[in-house]
Amino acid sequence: MIALKILTVGVIIYLVWSFTHHKRDKSLTLVIFLEYLLTAALVLILLMGVLI
């Protein structure tokens, strides 16, 4: 269960970092937002399947 919490925190940090980077760069669009969101969701789903 601790691995799931660490994984979730890692995904949240990834999302915050990527959104912050593109926001500062003024290149944050809906497509980029959805790309990062779906990538994070896919990683979360795949790694949960491996860990559980």
Protein backbone atom coordinates (compact mmCIF):
# COMPACT_ATOMS: atom_id res chain seq x y z
CA MET A 1 0.00 0.00 0.00
CA ILE A 2 2.92 2.35 0.66
CA ALA A 3 4.06 1.83 -2.94
CA LEU A 4 0.71 3.09 -4.19
CA LYS A 5 1.05 6.27 -2.12
CA ILE A 6 4.58 6.86 -3.41
CA LEU A 7 3.40 6.27 -6.98
CA THR A 8 0.52 8.71 -6.55
CA VAL A 9 2.79 11.39 -5.12
CA GLY A 10 5.22 10.87 -8.01
CA VAL A 11 2.45 11.28 -10.58
CA ILE A 12 1.19 14.44 -8.86
CA ILE A 13 4.71 15.90 -8.81
CA TYR A 14 5.07 15.05 -12.52
CA LEU A 15 1.81 16.83 -13.34
CA VAL A 16 2.59 19.92 -11.27
CA TRP A 17 6.09 20.19 -12.73
CA SER A 18 4.90 19.80 -16.32
CA PHE A 19 2.03 22.28 -15.96
CA THR A 20 4.29 24.80 -14.23
CA HIS A 21 6.92 24.47 -16.96
CA HIS A 22 4.45 25.06 -19.78
CA LYS A 23 2.67 27.84 -17.89
CA ARG A 24 5.97 29.73 -17.47
CA ASP A 25 6.85 29.07 -21.10
CA LYS A 26 3.36 30.29 -22.11
CA SER A 27 2.90 27.17 -24.24
CA LEU A 28 0.23 25.46 -22.15
CA THR A 29 -2.64 24.48 -24.41
CA LEU A 30 -5.54 22.11 -23.96
CA VAL A 31 -3.80 19.47 -26.07
CA ILE A 32 -0.64 19.60 -23.93
CA PHE A 33 -2.75 19.57 -20.75
CA LEU A 34 -4.62 16.47 -21.90
CA GLU A 35 -1.42 14.78 -23.05
CA TYR A 36 0.21 15.11 -19.64
CA LEU A 37 -2.99 14.15 -17.84
CA LEU A 38 -3.54 11.02 -19.93
CA THR A 39 0.13 10.03 -19.70
CA ALA A 40 0.00 10.29 -15.91
CA ALA A 41 -3.23 8.29 -15.80
CA LEU A 42 -1.75 5.58 -18.03
CA VAL A 43 1.39 5.31 -15.89
CA LEU A 44 -0.73 5.14 -12.73
CA ILE A 45 -2.95 2.40 -14.16
CA LEU A 46 -0.05 0.34 -15.54
CA LEU A 47 2.07 0.51 -12.41
CA MET A 48 -0.91 -0.21 -10.15
CA GLY A 49 -1.50 -3.35 -12.21
CA VAL A 50 2.11 -4.42 -11.69
CA LEU A 51 2.29 -3.55 -7.98
CA ILE A 52 -1.06 -4.93 -6.87
